[in-house]
Amino acid sequence: MAKKKLNKNWLHDHINDPYVKLAQKEGYRARAAYKLKEIDEEEKLIKPGQIIVDLGCTPGSWSQYVRRKLAGKDGGGIHGRIIGLDMLPMEPVADVLYIQGDFREQEVLEQLEAALEGQKVDLVLSDMAPNLSGIALTDAARMEDIIDLAIEFTRAHMKPSGSLLVKCFNGSGYTQIIEKFRKEFKTVSAKKPKASRDKSSEIFLLGKGLKSPG
């Protein structure tokens, strides 16, 4: 009964969420686009000509936002490159090269590296999150593992002056993740965009400039 009530409350909140309504109006697949939009507008992360990798890209709202930022004013193609990766299938987004697979598998990582054709990345985005078990220590370890992979990929493939933006949770293991970011990046900041629900422990970490590029 409690679960049914919880689902009903979530549905009510979702339907009445201003960001859900805005996403529908502006053609974004998810309200998550506005989290990236707010961080980007504050930090000026996305610029025409960049190569951007979107890890955990499904359903595609972050890739949609990036595509709009890289598109010319004439509405034609984009100035730059976008590569998206996720374990789940994704409906195509114009001008986005999509790779389906598990980022933890070497074969998938090699596909991603092949798609880059030896070019260095300007910006790595990760909205990835593990399937949560509800056990704090287990979930923290899973989240840390995903962020470790994102950092490892960034070190190997990003320009020294580039940036990494990841989602994490402000709870168990958060301090360790912050410390890892500080070891790797020249500047580190935590972002809680307005589009991120107040009840959520979700927070975004932004690392700029690699201290020791791979």
N, C-alpha and C. Protein backbone atom coordinates (compact mmCIF):
# COMPACT_ATOMS: atom_id res chain seq x y z
N MET A 1 0.83 -1.20 0.00
CA MET A 1 0.00 0.00 0.00
C MET A 1 0.87 1.26 0.00
N ALA A 2 1.93 1.21 0.84
CA ALA A 2 2.83 2.37 0.95
C ALA A 2 3.53 2.63 -0.38
N LYS A 3 3.92 1.52 -1.06
CA LYS A 3 4.60 1.66 -2.36
C LYS A 3 3.67 2.28 -3.39
N LYS A 4 2.39 1.85 -3.37
CA LYS A 4 1.41 2.38 -4.30
C LYS A 4 1.23 3.89 -4.10
N LYS A 5 1.19 4.28 -2.82
CA LYS A 5 1.03 5.71 -2.48
C LYS A 5 2.26 6.50 -2.94
N LEU A 6 3.45 5.90 -2.74
CA LEU A 6 4.71 6.54 -3.14
C LEU A 6 4.72 6.76 -4.66
N ASN A 7 4.31 5.73 -5.42
CA ASN A 7 4.26 5.84 -6.88
C ASN A 7 3.29 6.92 -7.32
N LYS A 8 2.16 6.99 -6.62
CA LYS A 8 1.13 7.99 -6.95
C LYS A 8 1.67 9.40 -6.69
N ASN A 9 2.37 9.56 -5.56
CA ASN A 9 2.97 10.86 -5.21
C ASN A 9 4.04 11.26 -6.23
N TRP A 10 4.86 10.26 -6.65
CA TRP A 10 5.91 10.54 -7.64
C TRP A 10 5.28 10.99 -8.95
N LEU A 11 4.23 10.28 -9.38
CA LEU A 11 3.56 10.60 -10.63
C LEU A 11 2.96 12.01 -10.59
N HIS A 12 2.36 12.34 -9.45
CA HIS A 12 1.77 13.69 -9.27
C HIS A 12 2.86 14.76 -9.38
N ASP A 13 3.98 14.54 -8.67
CA ASP A 13 5.11 15.49 -8.70
C ASP A 13 5.69 15.61 -10.11
N HIS A 14 5.78 14.46 -10.79
CA HIS A 14 6.38 14.43 -12.13
C HIS A 14 5.53 15.22 -13.12
N ILE A 15 4.22 14.95 -13.10
CA ILE A 15 3.31 15.62 -14.04
C ILE A 15 3.30 17.13 -13.82
N ASN A 16 3.42 17.54 -12.56
CA ASN A 16 3.35 18.97 -12.24
C ASN A 16 4.72 19.65 -12.19
N ASP A 17 5.78 18.89 -12.50
CA ASP A 17 7.14 19.42 -12.47
C ASP A 17 7.32 20.44 -13.61
N PRO A 18 7.72 21.67 -13.30
CA PRO A 18 7.88 22.68 -14.36
C PRO A 18 8.94 22.30 -15.39
N TYR A 19 9.97 21.57 -14.96
CA TYR A 19 11.02 21.17 -15.90
C TYR A 19 10.54 20.07 -16.85
N VAL A 20 9.63 19.21 -16.36
CA VAL A 20 9.03 18.19 -17.23
C VAL A 20 8.21 18.88 -18.31
N LYS A 21 7.42 19.86 -17.90
CA LYS A 21 6.58 20.62 -18.85
C LYS A 21 7.45 21.37 -19.86
N LEU A 22 8.54 21.97 -19.37
CA LEU A 22 9.44 22.72 -20.24
C LEU A 22 10.12 21.80 -21.25
N ALA A 23 10.53 20.60 -20.77
CA ALA A 23 11.18 19.63 -21.65
C ALA A 23 10.23 19.21 -22.78
N GLN A 24 8.97 18.99 -22.42
CA GLN A 24 7.97 18.62 -23.44
C GLN A 24 7.79 19.75 -24.45
N LYS A 25 7.75 20.97 -23.95
CA LYS A 25 7.56 22.15 -24.81
C LYS A 25 8.75 22.36 -25.74
N GLU A 26 9.97 22.19 -25.23
CA GLU A 26 11.17 22.48 -26.00
C GLU A 26 11.76 21.27 -26.73
N GLY A 27 11.08 20.13 -26.61
CA GLY A 27 11.49 18.96 -27.38
C GLY A 27 12.64 18.16 -26.80
N TYR A 28 12.88 18.28 -25.48
CA TYR A 28 13.90 17.45 -24.84
C TYR A 28 13.27 16.16 -24.34
N ARG A 29 14.05 15.09 -24.39
CA ARG A 29 13.53 13.77 -24.00
C ARG A 29 13.41 13.60 -22.48
N ALA A 30 14.09 14.43 -21.73
CA ALA A 30 14.04 14.33 -20.27
C ALA A 30 14.37 15.69 -19.66
N ARG A 31 13.88 15.88 -18.44
CA ARG A 31 14.12 17.13 -17.71
C ARG A 31 15.61 17.32 -17.39
N ALA A 32 16.38 16.22 -17.45
CA ALA A 32 17.82 16.27 -17.13
C ALA A 32 18.57 17.28 -17.99
N ALA A 33 18.03 17.60 -19.17
CA ALA A 33 18.68 18.57 -20.06
C ALA A 33 18.93 19.89 -19.34
N TYR A 34 18.02 20.26 -18.44
CA TYR A 34 18.11 21.57 -17.78
C TYR A 34 19.17 21.59 -16.67
N LYS A 35 19.55 20.41 -16.19
CA LYS A 35 20.67 20.33 -15.23
C LYS A 35 21.96 20.71 -15.96
N LEU A 36 22.15 20.09 -17.12
CA LEU A 36 23.35 20.40 -17.91
C LEU A 36 23.31 21.84 -18.40
N LYS A 37 22.16 22.30 -18.83
CA LYS A 37 22.01 23.67 -19.35
C LYS A 37 22.45 24.70 -18.30
N GLU A 38 21.98 24.51 -17.08
CA GLU A 38 22.32 25.46 -16.00
C GLU A 38 23.82 25.46 -15.71
N ILE A 39 24.41 24.28 -15.63
CA ILE A 39 25.85 24.18 -15.36
C ILE A 39 26.65 24.77 -16.52
N ASP A 40 26.22 24.46 -17.74
CA ASP A 40 26.91 24.98 -18.93
C ASP A 40 26.84 26.50 -19.00
N GLU A 41 25.67 27.05 -18.73
CA GLU A 41 25.52 28.51 -18.80
C GLU A 41 26.38 29.22 -17.75
N GLU A 42 26.56 28.57 -16.63
CA GLU A 42 27.38 29.15 -15.56
C GLU A 42 28.88 29.00 -15.86
N GLU A 43 29.26 27.84 -16.41
CA GLU A 43 30.68 27.51 -16.59
C GLU A 43 31.20 27.68 -18.02
N LYS A 44 30.28 27.91 -18.98
CA LYS A 44 30.67 28.06 -20.40
C LYS A 44 31.49 26.85 -20.87
N LEU A 45 30.93 25.66 -20.67
CA LEU A 45 31.64 24.42 -20.99
C LEU A 45 31.60 24.07 -22.47
N ILE A 46 30.44 24.27 -23.09
CA ILE A 46 30.20 23.77 -24.44
C ILE A 46 30.33 24.88 -25.47
N LYS A 47 31.27 24.66 -26.41
CA LYS A 47 31.53 25.68 -27.44
C LYS A 47 31.65 25.01 -28.80
N PRO A 48 31.23 25.70 -29.88
CA PRO A 48 31.37 25.14 -31.22
C PRO A 48 32.81 24.71 -31.51
N GLY A 49 32.94 23.59 -32.24
CA GLY A 49 34.27 23.08 -32.60
C GLY A 49 34.79 22.02 -31.67
N GLN A 50 34.11 21.80 -30.55
CA GLN A 50 34.60 20.84 -29.57
C GLN A 50 34.26 19.40 -29.92
N ILE A 51 35.04 18.48 -29.34
CA ILE A 51 34.71 17.04 -29.36
C ILE A 51 34.22 16.71 -27.96
N ILE A 52 32.99 16.18 -27.89
CA ILE A 52 32.35 15.94 -26.59
C ILE A 52 31.88 14.49 -26.51
N VAL A 53 32.19 13.83 -25.40
CA VAL A 53 31.76 12.46 -25.16
C VAL A 53 30.72 12.48 -24.04
N ASP A 54 29.57 11.85 -24.32
CA ASP A 54 28.45 11.79 -23.37
C ASP A 54 28.29 10.35 -22.89
N LEU A 55 28.80 10.06 -21.68
CA LEU A 55 28.74 8.71 -21.12
C LEU A 55 27.41 8.53 -20.38
N GLY A 56 26.74 7.39 -20.63
CA GLY A 56 25.44 7.17 -20.00
C GLY A 56 24.39 8.09 -20.60
N CYS A 57 24.37 8.15 -21.94
CA CYS A 57 23.62 9.21 -22.63
C CYS A 57 22.11 8.97 -22.77
N THR A 58 21.65 7.72 -22.65
CA THR A 58 20.22 7.43 -22.81
C THR A 58 19.40 8.13 -21.72
N PRO A 59 18.25 8.71 -22.03
CA PRO A 59 17.50 8.70 -23.29
C PRO A 59 17.97 9.71 -24.33
N GLY A 60 18.92 10.59 -23.96
CA GLY A 60 19.52 11.45 -24.97
C GLY A 60 19.35 12.94 -24.78
N SER A 61 18.80 13.35 -23.64
CA SER A 61 18.54 14.80 -23.47
C SER A 61 19.82 15.62 -23.35
N TRP A 62 20.88 15.05 -22.74
CA TRP A 62 22.15 15.78 -22.66
C TRP A 62 22.75 15.92 -24.06
N SER A 63 22.69 14.84 -24.84
CA SER A 63 23.21 14.89 -26.21
C SER A 63 22.40 15.88 -27.05
N GLN A 64 21.10 15.94 -26.82
CA GLN A 64 20.26 16.91 -27.53
C GLN A 64 20.70 18.34 -27.22
N TYR A 65 20.94 18.60 -25.93
CA TYR A 65 21.36 19.96 -25.53
C TYR A 65 22.71 20.30 -26.16
N VAL A 66 23.66 19.36 -26.09
CA VAL A 66 24.99 19.58 -26.67
C VAL A 66 24.87 19.84 -28.17
N ARG A 67 24.03 19.05 -28.84
CA ARG A 67 23.84 19.20 -30.28
C ARG A 67 23.33 20.60 -30.62
N ARG A 68 22.39 21.10 -29.83
CA ARG A 68 21.85 22.45 -30.07
C ARG A 68 22.93 23.51 -29.89
N LYS A 69 23.82 23.28 -28.91
CA LYS A 69 24.89 24.26 -28.65
C LYS A 69 25.94 24.25 -29.77
N LEU A 70 26.15 23.08 -30.41
CA LEU A 70 27.17 22.98 -31.46
C LEU A 70 26.61 23.27 -32.85
N ALA A 71 25.29 23.40 -32.94
CA ALA A 71 24.66 23.62 -34.24
C ALA A 71 24.84 25.05 -34.71
N GLY A 72 24.94 25.22 -36.01
CA GLY A 72 25.04 26.56 -36.58
C GLY A 72 23.71 27.27 -36.51
N LYS A 73 23.72 28.56 -36.60
CA LYS A 73 22.48 29.36 -36.52
C LYS A 73 21.56 29.11 -37.72
N ASP A 74 22.14 28.59 -38.79
CA ASP A 74 21.32 28.31 -39.98
C ASP A 74 20.52 27.01 -39.84
N GLY A 75 20.72 26.32 -38.69
CA GLY A 75 19.97 25.09 -38.45
C GLY A 75 20.52 23.88 -39.20
N GLY A 76 21.69 24.03 -39.80
CA GLY A 76 22.31 22.93 -40.56
C GLY A 76 23.01 21.96 -39.62
N GLY A 77 24.15 21.42 -40.08
CA GLY A 77 24.90 20.46 -39.27
C GLY A 77 25.59 21.14 -38.09
N ILE A 78 26.38 20.35 -37.38
CA ILE A 78 27.04 20.89 -36.19
C ILE A 78 28.51 21.19 -36.48
N HIS A 79 29.05 22.10 -35.68
CA HIS A 79 30.47 22.41 -35.73
C HIS A 79 31.09 21.76 -34.51
N GLY A 80 31.62 20.53 -34.72
CA GLY A 80 32.16 19.76 -33.61
C GLY A 80 31.72 18.31 -33.75
N ARG A 81 32.01 17.50 -32.72
CA ARG A 81 31.64 16.08 -32.73
C ARG A 81 31.04 15.68 -31.40
N ILE A 82 30.01 14.80 -31.45
CA ILE A 82 29.40 14.28 -30.22
C ILE A 82 29.37 12.76 -30.32
N ILE A 83 29.92 12.10 -29.31
CA ILE A 83 29.87 10.64 -29.23
C ILE A 83 29.16 10.27 -27.94
N GLY A 84 28.09 9.47 -28.06
CA GLY A 84 27.32 9.05 -26.89
C GLY A 84 27.48 7.56 -26.66
N LEU A 85 27.42 7.17 -25.39
CA LEU A 85 27.56 5.76 -25.04
C LEU A 85 26.61 5.39 -23.91
N ASP A 86 25.97 4.23 -24.03
CA ASP A 86 25.10 3.75 -22.95
C ASP A 86 24.85 2.26 -23.13
N MET A 87 24.50 1.59 -22.03
CA MET A 87 24.15 0.17 -22.09
C MET A 87 22.76 -0.02 -22.70
N LEU A 88 21.89 0.96 -22.53
CA LEU A 88 20.53 0.87 -23.03
C LEU A 88 20.42 1.42 -24.44
N PRO A 89 19.46 0.93 -25.23
CA PRO A 89 19.28 1.49 -26.57
C PRO A 89 18.81 2.94 -26.50
N MET A 90 19.13 3.71 -27.53
CA MET A 90 18.72 5.11 -27.57
C MET A 90 18.21 5.45 -28.96
N GLU A 91 17.09 6.14 -28.99
CA GLU A 91 16.58 6.67 -30.27
C GLU A 91 17.63 7.63 -30.82
N PRO A 92 17.90 7.58 -32.13
CA PRO A 92 18.94 8.43 -32.68
C PRO A 92 18.73 9.92 -32.39
N VAL A 93 19.84 10.60 -32.13
CA VAL A 93 19.85 12.07 -32.02
C VAL A 93 20.69 12.56 -33.19
N ALA A 94 20.18 13.52 -33.92
CA ALA A 94 20.90 14.02 -35.10
C ALA A 94 22.34 14.40 -34.76
N ASP A 95 23.27 13.97 -35.61
CA ASP A 95 24.70 14.32 -35.50
C ASP A 95 25.41 13.70 -34.30
N VAL A 96 24.75 12.77 -33.61
CA VAL A 96 25.39 12.09 -32.47
C VAL A 96 25.75 10.67 -32.88
N LEU A 97 27.04 10.31 -32.75
CA LEU A 97 27.48 8.95 -32.98
C LEU A 97 27.22 8.17 -31.70
N TYR A 98 26.34 7.17 -31.78
CA TYR A 98 25.94 6.43 -30.58
C TYR A 98 26.56 5.04 -30.57
N ILE A 99 27.11 4.65 -29.43
CA ILE A 99 27.68 3.31 -29.23
C ILE A 99 26.93 2.67 -28.08
N GLN A 100 26.32 1.50 -28.32
CA GLN A 100 25.62 0.81 -27.23
C GLN A 100 26.53 -0.26 -26.63
N GLY A 101 26.66 -0.22 -25.32
CA GLY A 101 27.48 -1.21 -24.63
C GLY A 101 27.84 -0.79 -23.23
N ASP A 102 28.47 -1.71 -22.51
CA ASP A 102 28.87 -1.48 -21.12
C ASP A 102 30.26 -0.85 -21.10
N PHE A 103 30.34 0.33 -20.54
CA PHE A 103 31.58 1.10 -20.49
C PHE A 103 32.71 0.34 -19.77
N ARG A 104 32.32 -0.63 -18.92
CA ARG A 104 33.33 -1.37 -18.16
C ARG A 104 34.00 -2.46 -18.98
N GLU A 105 33.45 -2.75 -20.19
CA GLU A 105 34.01 -3.81 -21.02
C GLU A 105 35.04 -3.24 -22.01
N GLN A 106 36.16 -3.91 -22.11
CA GLN A 106 37.27 -3.45 -22.95
C GLN A 106 36.84 -3.27 -24.40
N GLU A 107 36.02 -4.19 -24.91
CA GLU A 107 35.58 -4.15 -26.31
C GLU A 107 34.81 -2.85 -26.61
N VAL A 108 33.97 -2.45 -25.67
CA VAL A 108 33.17 -1.22 -25.84
C VAL A 108 34.07 0.01 -25.77
N LEU A 109 34.99 -0.03 -24.83
CA LEU A 109 35.94 1.07 -24.69
C LEU A 109 36.77 1.23 -25.96
N GLU A 110 37.14 0.11 -26.57
CA GLU A 110 37.90 0.15 -27.82
C GLU A 110 37.08 0.75 -28.96
N GLN A 111 35.77 0.47 -28.98
CA GLN A 111 34.89 1.09 -29.99
C GLN A 111 34.87 2.60 -29.83
N LEU A 112 34.81 3.03 -28.58
CA LEU A 112 34.79 4.46 -28.27
C LEU A 112 36.11 5.11 -28.70
N GLU A 113 37.21 4.44 -28.40
CA GLU A 113 38.53 4.95 -28.79
C GLU A 113 38.68 5.01 -30.31
N ALA A 114 38.15 4.00 -31.00
CA ALA A 114 38.21 3.98 -32.47
C ALA A 114 37.41 5.13 -33.06
N ALA A 115 36.26 5.43 -32.43
CA ALA A 115 35.40 6.52 -32.91
C ALA A 115 36.11 7.88 -32.78
N LEU A 116 36.99 7.98 -31.80
CA LEU A 116 37.71 9.25 -31.59
C LEU A 116 38.81 9.47 -32.63
N GLU A 117 39.23 8.37 -33.29
CA GLU A 117 40.25 8.46 -34.35
C GLU A 117 41.51 9.18 -33.89
N GLY A 118 41.90 8.94 -32.65
CA GLY A 118 43.13 9.52 -32.13
C GLY A 118 43.01 10.97 -31.68
N GLN A 119 41.82 11.55 -31.84
CA GLN A 119 41.64 12.95 -31.43
C GLN A 119 41.37 13.05 -29.93
N LYS A 120 41.82 14.15 -29.35
CA LYS A 120 41.59 14.38 -27.93
C LYS A 120 40.25 15.08 -27.71
N VAL A 121 39.64 14.78 -26.58
CA VAL A 121 38.30 15.28 -26.24
C VAL A 121 38.38 16.58 -25.45
N ASP A 122 37.45 17.49 -25.72
CA ASP A 122 37.39 18.75 -24.98
C ASP A 122 36.58 18.63 -23.69
N LEU A 123 35.54 17.79 -23.73
CA LEU A 123 34.62 17.71 -22.59
C LEU A 123 34.07 16.29 -22.49
N VAL A 124 34.13 15.73 -21.28
CA VAL A 124 33.52 14.42 -21.00
C VAL A 124 32.36 14.66 -20.04
N LEU A 125 31.19 14.19 -20.44
CA LEU A 125 29.99 14.31 -19.61
C LEU A 125 29.59 12.92 -19.14
N SER A 126 29.20 12.80 -17.88
CA SER A 126 28.73 11.51 -17.38
C SER A 126 27.53 11.69 -16.48
N ASP A 127 26.37 11.27 -17.00
CA ASP A 127 25.15 11.26 -16.19
C ASP A 127 24.88 9.83 -15.74
N MET A 128 25.93 9.00 -15.79
CA MET A 128 25.79 7.58 -15.42
C MET A 128 25.53 7.43 -13.93
N ALA A 129 24.71 6.43 -13.62
CA ALA A 129 24.47 6.06 -12.21
C ALA A 129 24.24 4.56 -12.18
N PRO A 130 24.67 3.89 -11.11
CA PRO A 130 24.46 2.44 -11.02
C PRO A 130 23.01 2.12 -10.67
N ASN A 131 22.61 0.86 -10.87
CA ASN A 131 21.33 0.41 -10.34
C ASN A 131 21.47 0.36 -8.83
N LEU A 132 20.65 1.13 -8.13
CA LEU A 132 20.81 1.26 -6.68
C LEU A 132 20.14 0.10 -5.94
N SER A 133 20.86 -0.40 -4.93
CA SER A 133 20.36 -1.54 -4.14
C SER A 133 19.65 -1.09 -2.87
N GLY A 134 19.90 0.18 -2.49
CA GLY A 134 19.35 0.66 -1.22
C GLY A 134 20.30 0.43 -0.06
N ILE A 135 21.39 -0.30 -0.32
CA ILE A 135 22.42 -0.52 0.71
C ILE A 135 23.51 0.53 0.48
N ALA A 136 23.63 1.45 1.43
CA ALA A 136 24.47 2.64 1.24
C ALA A 136 25.90 2.32 0.81
N LEU A 137 26.56 1.40 1.50
CA LEU A 137 27.96 1.10 1.19
C LEU A 137 28.12 0.47 -0.20
N THR A 138 27.19 -0.44 -0.55
CA THR A 138 27.23 -1.09 -1.87
C THR A 138 27.02 -0.05 -2.97
N ASP A 139 26.02 0.81 -2.79
CA ASP A 139 25.71 1.82 -3.80
C ASP A 139 26.85 2.82 -3.95
N ALA A 140 27.47 3.19 -2.82
CA ALA A 140 28.61 4.12 -2.86
C ALA A 140 29.77 3.51 -3.63
N ALA A 141 30.02 2.22 -3.41
CA ALA A 141 31.11 1.52 -4.11
C ALA A 141 30.84 1.45 -5.61
N ARG A 142 29.58 1.20 -5.99
CA ARG A 142 29.21 1.14 -7.41
C ARG A 142 29.37 2.50 -8.09
N MET A 143 28.94 3.54 -7.37
CA MET A 143 29.06 4.90 -7.91
C MET A 143 30.52 5.28 -8.09
N GLU A 144 31.32 4.94 -7.10
CA GLU A 144 32.76 5.26 -7.15
C GLU A 144 33.43 4.54 -8.31
N ASP A 145 33.00 3.30 -8.57
CA ASP A 145 33.56 2.51 -9.66
C ASP A 145 33.27 3.18 -11.01
N ILE A 146 32.05 3.66 -11.19
CA ILE A 146 31.65 4.33 -12.43
C ILE A 146 32.46 5.62 -12.61
N ILE A 147 32.62 6.38 -11.53
CA ILE A 147 33.36 7.64 -11.60
C ILE A 147 34.85 7.37 -11.86
N ASP A 148 35.38 6.30 -11.28
CA ASP A 148 36.78 5.90 -11.55
C ASP A 148 36.98 5.66 -13.04
N LEU A 149 36.02 4.98 -13.67
CA LEU A 149 36.10 4.70 -15.11
C LEU A 149 36.06 5.99 -15.92
N ALA A 150 35.19 6.90 -15.51
CA ALA A 150 35.09 8.19 -16.21
C ALA A 150 36.39 8.98 -16.10
N ILE A 151 36.99 8.96 -14.90
CA ILE A 151 38.26 9.66 -14.69
C ILE A 151 39.37 9.01 -15.52
N GLU A 152 39.38 7.68 -15.53
CA GLU A 152 40.40 6.94 -16.28
C GLU A 152 40.31 7.26 -17.77
N PHE A 153 39.09 7.26 -18.29
CA PHE A 153 38.87 7.59 -19.70
C PHE A 153 39.32 9.02 -19.99
N THR A 154 38.98 9.92 -19.08
CA THR A 154 39.32 11.34 -19.23
C THR A 154 40.83 11.54 -19.27
N ARG A 155 41.52 10.88 -18.36
CA ARG A 155 42.99 11.00 -18.31
C ARG A 155 43.63 10.54 -19.62
N ALA A 156 43.06 9.49 -20.21
CA ALA A 156 43.65 8.92 -21.41
C ALA A 156 43.27 9.68 -22.69
N HIS A 157 42.10 10.32 -22.69
CA HIS A 157 41.58 10.83 -23.96
C HIS A 157 41.23 12.32 -23.99
N MET A 158 41.36 13.01 -22.88
CA MET A 158 40.96 14.41 -22.88
C MET A 158 42.16 15.35 -23.03
N LYS A 159 41.92 16.48 -23.66
CA LYS A 159 42.94 17.52 -23.75
C LYS A 159 43.29 17.97 -22.33
N PRO A 160 44.54 18.35 -22.09
CA PRO A 160 44.92 18.81 -20.74
C PRO A 160 44.04 19.95 -20.22
N SER A 161 43.54 20.76 -21.14
CA SER A 161 42.73 21.92 -20.73
C SER A 161 41.24 21.60 -20.63
N GLY A 162 40.86 20.33 -20.90
CA GLY A 162 39.45 19.95 -20.94
C GLY A 162 38.79 19.84 -19.57
N SER A 163 37.52 19.39 -19.60
CA SER A 163 36.73 19.29 -18.36
C SER A 163 35.96 17.98 -18.31
N LEU A 164 35.74 17.51 -17.08
CA LEU A 164 34.92 16.32 -16.83
C LEU A 164 33.79 16.72 -15.88
N LEU A 165 32.55 16.40 -16.28
CA LEU A 165 31.38 16.65 -15.43
C LEU A 165 30.72 15.31 -15.16
N VAL A 166 30.62 14.94 -13.88
CA VAL A 166 30.00 13.65 -13.52
C VAL A 166 28.89 13.85 -12.50
N LYS A 167 27.94 12.91 -12.56
CA LYS A 167 26.92 12.87 -11.52
C LYS A 167 27.40 11.97 -10.40
N CYS A 168 27.15 12.37 -9.16
CA CYS A 168 27.40 11.46 -8.04
C CYS A 168 26.35 11.75 -6.97
N PHE A 169 26.47 11.08 -5.83
CA PHE A 169 25.50 11.27 -4.76
C PHE A 169 26.22 11.79 -3.51
N ASN A 170 25.61 12.78 -2.88
CA ASN A 170 26.20 13.38 -1.69
C ASN A 170 25.82 12.54 -0.47
N GLY A 171 26.63 11.50 -0.25
CA GLY A 171 26.36 10.58 0.85
C GLY A 171 27.61 9.78 1.12
N SER A 172 27.42 8.51 1.40
CA SER A 172 28.55 7.62 1.67
C SER A 172 29.49 7.58 0.46
N GLY A 173 30.78 7.77 0.70
CA GLY A 173 31.79 7.71 -0.36
C GLY A 173 32.03 9.02 -1.08
N TYR A 174 31.20 10.03 -0.80
CA TYR A 174 31.31 11.31 -1.51
C TYR A 174 32.66 11.99 -1.26
N THR A 175 33.13 11.95 -0.02
CA THR A 175 34.41 12.59 0.35
C THR A 175 35.57 11.98 -0.43
N GLN A 176 35.55 10.65 -0.58
CA GLN A 176 36.61 9.97 -1.32
C GLN A 176 36.61 10.39 -2.79
N ILE A 177 35.40 10.53 -3.36
CA ILE A 177 35.29 10.92 -4.77
C ILE A 177 35.83 12.34 -4.97
N ILE A 178 35.49 13.24 -4.04
CA ILE A 178 36.00 14.62 -4.10
C ILE A 178 37.53 14.61 -4.07
N GLU A 179 38.09 13.79 -3.19
CA GLU A 179 39.56 13.71 -3.07
C GLU A 179 40.19 13.22 -4.37
N LYS A 180 39.54 12.24 -5.01
CA LYS A 180 40.06 11.73 -6.29
C LYS A 180 40.06 12.84 -7.33
N PHE A 181 39.00 13.62 -7.37
CA PHE A 181 38.90 14.73 -8.32
C PHE A 181 40.01 15.75 -8.05
N ARG A 182 40.27 16.04 -6.80
CA ARG A 182 41.30 17.04 -6.46
C ARG A 182 42.69 16.56 -6.84
N LYS A 183 42.90 15.25 -6.82
CA LYS A 183 44.20 14.70 -7.25
C LYS A 183 44.39 14.83 -8.75
N GLU A 184 43.29 14.75 -9.50
CA GLU A 184 43.35 14.70 -10.95
C GLU A 184 43.23 16.06 -11.64
N PHE A 185 42.44 16.97 -11.04
CA PHE A 185 42.10 18.21 -11.73
C PHE A 185 42.60 19.46 -11.00
N LYS A 186 42.91 20.47 -11.79
CA LYS A 186 43.42 21.73 -11.22
C LYS A 186 42.34 22.46 -10.43
N THR A 187 41.11 22.47 -10.96
CA THR A 187 40.01 23.10 -10.21
C THR A 187 38.84 22.12 -10.13
N VAL A 188 38.23 22.06 -8.97
CA VAL A 188 37.10 21.15 -8.73
C VAL A 188 35.97 21.93 -8.07
N SER A 189 34.75 21.75 -8.59
CA SER A 189 33.60 22.40 -7.96
C SER A 189 32.40 21.46 -7.96
N ALA A 190 31.55 21.61 -6.97
CA ALA A 190 30.32 20.81 -6.85
C ALA A 190 29.13 21.67 -7.28
N LYS A 191 28.24 21.07 -8.06
CA LYS A 191 27.09 21.81 -8.61
C LYS A 191 25.79 21.10 -8.23
N LYS A 192 24.83 21.88 -7.76
CA LYS A 192 23.49 21.37 -7.49
C LYS A 192 22.51 22.25 -8.28
N PRO A 193 22.29 21.94 -9.56
CA PRO A 193 21.41 22.80 -10.37
C PRO A 193 19.98 22.81 -9.87
N LYS A 194 19.26 23.86 -10.17
CA LYS A 194 17.87 24.00 -9.72
C LYS A 194 16.99 22.88 -10.24
N ALA A 195 17.31 22.35 -11.42
CA ALA A 195 16.51 21.27 -12.01
C ALA A 195 16.71 19.94 -11.29
N SER A 196 17.73 19.86 -10.43
CA SER A 196 17.94 18.66 -9.63
C SER A 196 16.99 18.73 -8.43
N ARG A 197 16.16 17.74 -8.26
CA ARG A 197 15.12 17.79 -7.22
C ARG A 197 15.74 17.94 -5.83
N ASP A 198 15.07 18.75 -5.01
CA ASP A 198 15.56 19.03 -3.64
C ASP A 198 15.73 17.75 -2.83
N LYS A 199 14.80 16.81 -3.03
CA LYS A 199 14.82 15.56 -2.24
C LYS A 199 15.97 14.65 -2.65
N SER A 200 16.52 14.89 -3.84
CA SER A 200 17.57 14.01 -4.35
C SER A 200 18.94 14.38 -3.77
N SER A 201 19.74 13.34 -3.49
CA SER A 201 21.12 13.58 -3.00
C SER A 201 22.08 13.77 -4.18
N GLU A 202 21.51 13.78 -5.38
CA GLU A 202 22.30 13.94 -6.60
C GLU A 202 23.06 15.27 -6.59
N ILE A 203 24.32 15.19 -6.99
CA ILE A 203 25.15 16.39 -7.10
C ILE A 203 26.11 16.16 -8.27
N PHE A 204 26.55 17.22 -8.91
CA PHE A 204 27.44 17.08 -10.06
C PHE A 204 28.81 17.66 -9.71
N LEU A 205 29.84 16.89 -10.05
CA LEU A 205 31.21 17.35 -9.82
C LEU A 205 31.85 17.75 -11.14
N LEU A 206 32.48 18.92 -11.14
CA LEU A 206 33.14 19.42 -12.33
C LEU A 206 34.62 19.56 -12.08
N GLY A 207 35.40 18.84 -12.87
CA GLY A 207 36.86 18.95 -12.80
C GLY A 207 37.38 19.63 -14.06
N LYS A 208 38.21 20.65 -13.89
CA LYS A 208 38.76 21.39 -15.04
C LYS A 208 40.28 21.32 -15.03
N GLY A 209 40.84 21.00 -16.20
CA GLY A 209 42.29 21.01 -16.34
C GLY A 209 42.97 19.84 -15.65
N LEU A 210 43.53 18.92 -16.42
CA LEU A 210 44.21 17.77 -15.84
C LEU A 210 45.56 18.14 -15.25
N LYS A 211 45.84 17.61 -14.06
CA LYS A 211 47.15 17.88 -13.44
C LYS A 211 48.25 17.08 -14.13
N SER A 212 47.94 15.81 -14.49
CA SER A 212 48.95 15.00 -15.17
C SER A 212 48.28 14.19 -16.28
N PRO A 213 48.15 14.79 -17.46
CA PRO A 213 47.47 14.12 -18.58
C PRO A 213 48.15 12.80 -18.96
N GLY A 214 47.33 11.85 -19.43
CA GLY A 214 47.85 10.57 -19.84
C GLY A 214 48.49 10.63 -21.22
